[in-house]
Amino acid sequence: MNELVHMLSYHFMQRALLVGVLVSLCAALLGVSLVLKRYSMIGDGLSHVGFGALAIASALHLAPLAVAIPVVIAAAVLLLRLSESRRVKGDAAIALISSSALAIGVISVSVTTGMNTEVSSYMFGSILSLSRTDTILSVILSTAVLALFVAFYPRLFAVTFDETFSKATGTRTNVYNTLLAILTAVTVVLGMRMMGALLISSLIIFPALSAMRVCRSFRSVILKAAGISVCCFVIGAVASYFLETPAGASVVAANLLAFGGFSLAGIKK
């Protein structure tokens, strides 16, 4: 207990836990809809776009989040439009945009600052990377994402389960699909600072899949996924501190163990 109190006395841990819990909540709630709509890999694609944007911002000495958020939102909307056009399949569109953005980011880094500590934290995550300004912005944006999700929950539920019927009843499905893409983009960028571009998609995928092993209704999956996501993040962050392991990898390991446990519980059930 004394060690936990000592850990929480550090400002960087306070910031990481605050932002991490909020981002984990956002990722879990959005992840259920994304997994059910078979858009689960959009998080991975957008994280690569985010890395490219953050690398360019670092090379130009610009504010990372101020550059990455609008770029990733634009990429999310573009991915949605490409998927709906039927000219390019959804998975192919994600691969096309994500690999291109990752290549641009790597080139930008190689010809400017090189692979320094800051750029490495964007790729693999760092619990030390959140400044006070980043924390304030992350809290505001995460709260906005949660508020919008709750406000439009019935519509997001409708377009998740039966988009064709929703469209027939007059629901503007393209608006709510775009909203889902934008909220996902913001969540991915906020989570990248701690989880890294290579691991942030796990926050979207794992809690939803774990909850689906034992729950059947959409509401119960949402609530269970949110609880799993927050618990796994806190456990992973604490383990990272005491074991001196990377924060992002520790959180993913906690999610993997949770998925295995819920899978066994689902089989027995």
Protein backbone atom coordinates (compact mmCIF):
# COMPACT_ATOMS: atom_id res chain seq x y z
CA MET A 1 0.00 0.00 0.00
CA ASN A 2 2.83 2.38 0.83
CA GLU A 3 4.35 1.68 -2.56
CA LEU A 4 1.05 2.49 -4.29
CA VAL A 5 0.77 5.76 -2.38
CA HIS A 6 4.35 6.58 -3.34
CA MET A 7 3.59 5.80 -6.99
CA LEU A 8 0.59 8.11 -6.96
CA SER A 9 2.69 10.93 -5.55
CA TYR A 10 4.37 11.33 -8.93
CA HIS A 11 2.66 13.84 -11.19
CA PHE A 12 3.38 11.82 -14.33
CA MET A 13 1.54 8.81 -12.86
CA GLN A 14 -1.41 10.97 -11.84
CA ARG A 15 -1.63 12.37 -15.37
CA ALA A 16 -1.19 8.96 -16.99
CA LEU A 17 -3.89 7.30 -14.88
CA LEU A 18 -6.36 10.16 -15.35
CA VAL A 19 -5.97 10.32 -19.12
CA GLY A 20 -5.56 6.57 -19.46
CA VAL A 21 -8.83 5.80 -17.69
CA LEU A 22 -10.74 8.33 -19.80
CA VAL A 23 -9.20 7.13 -23.07
CA SER A 24 -9.80 3.49 -22.10
CA LEU A 25 -13.46 4.29 -21.52
CA CYS A 26 -13.75 6.01 -24.89
CA ALA A 27 -11.95 3.20 -26.71
CA ALA A 28 -14.09 0.49 -25.10
CA LEU A 29 -17.40 2.20 -25.87
CA LEU A 30 -16.47 2.92 -29.47
CA GLY A 31 -14.80 -0.46 -29.86
CA VAL A 32 -18.05 -2.38 -29.41
CA SER A 33 -19.64 -0.60 -32.38
CA LEU A 34 -16.47 -0.89 -34.47
CA VAL A 35 -16.09 -4.63 -33.83
CA LEU A 36 -19.75 -5.31 -34.60
CA LYS A 37 -19.52 -3.26 -37.82
CA ARG A 38 -16.28 -5.10 -38.71
CA TYR A 39 -14.31 -1.87 -38.60
CA SER A 40 -12.08 -3.07 -35.75
CA MET A 41 -8.85 -2.54 -37.72
CA ILE A 42 -9.66 1.13 -38.31
CA GLY A 43 -7.95 1.88 -35.00
CA ASP A 44 -4.73 0.32 -36.24
CA GLY A 45 -4.92 2.22 -39.53
CA LEU A 46 -5.63 5.56 -37.85
CA SER A 47 -2.79 5.03 -35.38
CA HIS A 48 -0.35 4.77 -38.30
CA VAL A 49 -1.78 7.97 -39.73
CA GLY A 50 -1.37 9.51 -36.28
CA PHE A 51 2.27 8.43 -36.15
CA GLY A 52 2.90 10.08 -39.51
CA ALA A 53 1.25 13.31 -38.33
CA LEU A 54 3.10 13.30 -34.99
CA ALA A 55 6.43 12.62 -36.72
CA ILE A 56 5.91 15.56 -39.08
CA ALA A 57 4.86 17.79 -36.17
CA SER A 58 7.99 16.78 -34.28
CA ALA A 59 10.18 17.51 -37.32
CA LEU A 60 8.60 20.96 -37.74
CA HIS A 61 8.61 21.67 -33.97
CA LEU A 62 4.81 22.04 -33.87
CA ALA A 63 2.35 21.05 -31.16
CA PRO A 64 1.86 17.28 -31.69
CA LEU A 65 -1.81 16.96 -30.75
CA ALA A 66 -2.82 20.13 -32.58
CA VAL A 67 -1.40 18.65 -35.80
CA ALA A 68 -2.36 15.00 -35.33
CA ILE A 69 -6.02 15.36 -34.34
CA PRO A 70 -7.28 17.17 -37.49
CA VAL A 71 -5.12 14.98 -39.75
CA VAL A 72 -6.40 11.74 -38.22
CA ILE A 73 -10.00 12.98 -38.29
CA ALA A 74 -9.61 13.74 -42.00
CA ALA A 75 -8.15 10.25 -42.54
CA ALA A 76 -11.04 8.64 -40.63
CA VAL A 77 -13.63 10.42 -42.77
CA LEU A 78 -11.69 9.51 -45.92
CA LEU A 79 -11.57 5.85 -44.89
CA LEU A 80 -15.30 5.91 -44.31
CA ARG A 81 -15.97 7.43 -47.72
CA LEU A 82 -13.68 4.94 -49.47
CA SER A 83 -15.40 2.03 -47.74
CA GLU A 84 -18.85 3.30 -48.72
CA SER A 85 -17.87 3.92 -52.36
CA ARG A 86 -17.38 0.15 -52.93
CA ARG A 87 -14.49 0.94 -55.28
CA VAL A 88 -12.04 0.01 -52.57
CA LYS A 89 -12.81 -2.61 -49.92
CA GLY A 90 -12.69 -1.43 -46.31
CA ASP A 91 -9.63 -3.47 -45.29
CA ALA A 92 -7.78 -2.47 -48.46
CA ALA A 93 -8.56 1.21 -47.82
CA ILE A 94 -7.18 0.94 -44.28
CA ALA A 95 -4.01 -0.77 -45.51
CA LEU A 96 -3.56 1.80 -48.29
CA ILE A 97 -3.86 4.87 -46.08
CA SER A 98 -2.09 3.49 -42.99
CA SER A 99 0.98 2.20 -44.83
CA SER A 100 1.28 5.43 -46.81
CA ALA A 101 1.05 7.59 -43.68
CA LEU A 102 3.55 5.40 -41.82
CA ALA A 103 6.01 5.67 -44.71
CA ILE A 104 5.65 9.45 -44.82
CA GLY A 105 6.25 9.63 -41.08
CA VAL A 106 9.38 7.46 -41.23
CA ILE A 107 10.79 9.50 -44.13
CA SER A 108 10.09 12.76 -42.30
CA VAL A 109 11.89 11.48 -39.21
CA SER A 110 14.86 10.09 -41.13
CA VAL A 111 15.58 13.34 -42.98
CA THR A 112 15.11 15.63 -39.96
CA THR A 113 15.48 14.69 -36.30
CA GLY A 114 16.14 10.97 -36.65
CA MET A 115 14.63 8.31 -34.37
CA ASN A 116 14.89 10.22 -31.10
CA THR A 117 13.17 9.49 -27.78
CA GLU A 118 10.09 11.58 -28.61
CA VAL A 119 9.46 9.84 -31.92
CA SER A 120 10.07 6.44 -30.32
CA SER A 121 7.40 7.23 -27.71
CA TYR A 122 4.90 7.84 -30.53
CA MET A 123 5.66 4.40 -31.95
CA PHE A 124 5.80 2.36 -28.73
CA GLY A 125 4.17 4.65 -26.18
CA SER A 126 5.56 6.26 -23.05
CA ILE A 127 3.86 6.91 -19.74
CA LEU A 128 6.19 9.90 -19.30
CA SER A 129 5.14 11.62 -22.53
CA LEU A 130 2.10 13.50 -21.22
CA SER A 131 2.76 17.12 -20.36
CA ARG A 132 0.38 19.21 -18.25
CA THR A 133 -0.97 20.89 -21.40
CA ASP A 134 -1.48 17.54 -23.12
CA THR A 135 -3.29 16.25 -20.05
CA ILE A 136 -5.73 19.17 -19.96
CA LEU A 137 -6.45 18.85 -23.68
CA SER A 138 -6.83 15.08 -23.41
CA VAL A 139 -9.28 15.35 -20.50
CA ILE A 140 -11.40 17.91 -22.36
CA LEU A 141 -11.49 15.89 -25.59
CA SER A 142 -12.09 12.55 -23.84
CA THR A 143 -14.98 14.05 -21.90
CA ALA A 144 -16.40 15.43 -25.13
CA VAL A 145 -16.15 12.00 -26.79
CA LEU A 146 -17.94 10.33 -23.87
CA ALA A 147 -20.64 13.00 -23.82
CA LEU A 148 -21.29 12.69 -27.56
CA PHE A 149 -21.40 8.90 -27.37
CA VAL A 150 -23.97 9.00 -24.57
CA ALA A 151 -26.02 11.73 -26.29
CA PHE A 152 -26.21 9.83 -29.59
CA TYR A 153 -26.23 6.32 -28.12
CA PRO A 154 -29.64 5.30 -29.60
CA ARG A 155 -28.62 6.35 -33.11
CA LEU A 156 -25.19 4.73 -32.88
CA PHE A 157 -26.88 1.55 -31.64
CA ALA A 158 -29.24 1.62 -34.64
CA VAL A 159 -26.55 2.08 -37.29
CA THR A 160 -24.40 -0.57 -35.62
CA PHE A 161 -26.97 -3.37 -35.76
CA ASP A 162 -29.05 -2.64 -38.84
CA GLU A 163 -27.82 0.21 -40.98
CA THR A 164 -30.16 -0.63 -43.87
CA PHE A 165 -33.27 -0.55 -41.66
CA SER A 166 -32.07 2.66 -40.00
CA LYS A 167 -31.66 4.29 -43.38
CA ALA A 168 -35.15 3.13 -44.44
CA THR A 169 -36.69 4.70 -41.32
CA GLY A 170 -35.14 8.08 -42.12
CA THR A 171 -32.03 7.96 -39.94
CA ARG A 172 -29.12 9.84 -41.50
CA THR A 173 -26.77 6.91 -41.23
CA ASN A 174 -23.92 8.68 -43.02
CA VAL A 175 -23.93 11.40 -40.34
CA TYR A 176 -23.69 8.90 -37.47
CA ASN A 177 -21.09 6.78 -39.23
CA THR A 178 -19.04 9.94 -39.70
CA LEU A 179 -19.52 10.81 -36.03
CA LEU A 180 -18.31 7.34 -35.05
CA ALA A 181 -15.24 7.73 -37.27
CA ILE A 182 -14.42 11.17 -35.82
CA LEU A 183 -14.79 10.02 -32.22
CA THR A 184 -12.56 7.04 -32.98
CA ALA A 185 -9.93 9.30 -34.56
CA VAL A 186 -9.80 11.57 -31.51
CA THR A 187 -9.58 8.60 -29.15
CA VAL A 188 -6.76 6.98 -31.13
CA VAL A 189 -4.66 10.15 -31.11
CA LEU A 190 -5.15 10.70 -27.39
CA GLY A 191 -4.25 7.09 -26.59
CA MET A 192 -1.17 7.00 -28.81
CA ARG A 193 0.91 9.04 -26.40
CA MET A 194 0.82 6.25 -23.82
CA MET A 195 0.07 3.13 -25.85
CA GLY A 196 2.00 3.90 -29.02
CA ALA A 197 0.94 3.60 -32.66
CA LEU A 198 1.60 -0.14 -32.68
CA LEU A 199 -0.57 -0.98 -29.66
CA ILE A 200 -3.40 1.56 -29.42
CA SER A 201 -5.82 -0.60 -31.45
CA SER A 202 -5.74 -3.15 -28.61
CA LEU A 203 -7.71 -0.71 -26.43
CA ILE A 204 -10.45 -0.77 -29.05
CA ILE A 205 -10.53 -4.49 -29.83
CA PHE A 206 -9.74 -6.46 -26.66
CA PRO A 207 -12.36 -5.12 -24.18
CA ALA A 208 -15.18 -5.50 -26.72
CA LEU A 209 -14.18 -9.07 -27.60
CA SER A 210 -13.77 -9.99 -23.93
CA ALA A 211 -17.22 -8.63 -23.03
CA MET A 212 -18.82 -10.45 -25.97
CA ARG A 213 -17.62 -13.77 -24.57
CA VAL A 214 -20.00 -13.53 -21.61
CA CYS A 215 -22.66 -10.93 -22.52
CA ARG A 216 -25.42 -11.03 -25.09
CA SER A 217 -27.15 -7.63 -25.13
CA PHE A 218 -25.57 -4.50 -26.58
CA ARG A 219 -25.97 -2.53 -23.35
CA SER A 220 -24.40 -5.24 -21.21
CA VAL A 221 -21.48 -5.59 -23.64
CA ILE A 222 -20.95 -1.82 -23.55
CA LEU A 223 -20.92 -1.69 -19.74
CA LYS A 224 -18.78 -4.81 -19.34
CA ALA A 225 -16.28 -3.63 -21.97
CA ALA A 226 -15.94 -0.27 -20.22
CA GLY A 227 -15.21 -1.95 -16.90
CA ILE A 228 -12.73 -4.38 -18.42
CA SER A 229 -10.92 -1.63 -20.29
CA VAL A 230 -10.48 0.60 -17.24
CA CYS A 231 -9.40 -2.26 -14.97
CA CYS A 232 -6.88 -3.58 -17.50
CA PHE A 233 -5.41 -0.13 -18.03
CA VAL A 234 -4.96 0.49 -14.31
CA ILE A 235 -3.47 -2.98 -13.77
CA GLY A 236 -1.16 -2.55 -16.76
CA ALA A 237 -0.03 0.92 -15.69
CA VAL A 238 0.69 -0.21 -12.12
CA ALA A 239 2.52 -3.31 -13.37
CA SER A 240 4.53 -1.11 -15.72
CA TYR A 241 5.64 1.07 -12.81
CA PHE A 242 6.67 -1.77 -10.50
CA LEU A 243 8.14 -4.12 -13.12
CA GLU A 244 9.71 -1.30 -15.18
CA THR A 245 8.12 -2.61 -18.37
CA PRO A 246 6.69 -0.50 -21.23
CA ALA A 247 3.26 0.86 -20.29
CA GLY A 248 1.56 0.06 -23.60
CA ALA A 249 2.79 -3.53 -23.67
CA SER A 250 1.79 -4.05 -20.02
CA VAL A 251 -1.76 -2.83 -20.71
CA VAL A 252 -2.03 -5.14 -23.74
CA ALA A 253 -0.80 -8.07 -21.64
CA ALA A 254 -3.47 -7.33 -19.03
CA ASN A 255 -6.12 -7.22 -21.77
CA LEU A 256 -4.86 -10.48 -23.21
CA LEU A 257 -5.14 -12.20 -19.83
CA ALA A 258 -8.64 -10.78 -19.39
CA PHE A 259 -9.65 -12.03 -22.82
CA GLY A 260 -8.39 -15.51 -21.99
CA GLY A 261 -10.26 -15.50 -18.69
CA PHE A 262 -13.53 -14.31 -20.20
CA SER A 263 -13.19 -16.79 -23.07
CA LEU A 264 -12.94 -19.64 -20.55
CA ALA A 265 -15.89 -18.25 -18.62
CA GLY A 266 -17.91 -18.05 -21.84
CA ILE A 267 -17.17 -21.69 -22.69
CA LYS A 268 -18.20 -22.90 -19.23
CA LYS A 269 -21.34 -20.80 -19.44
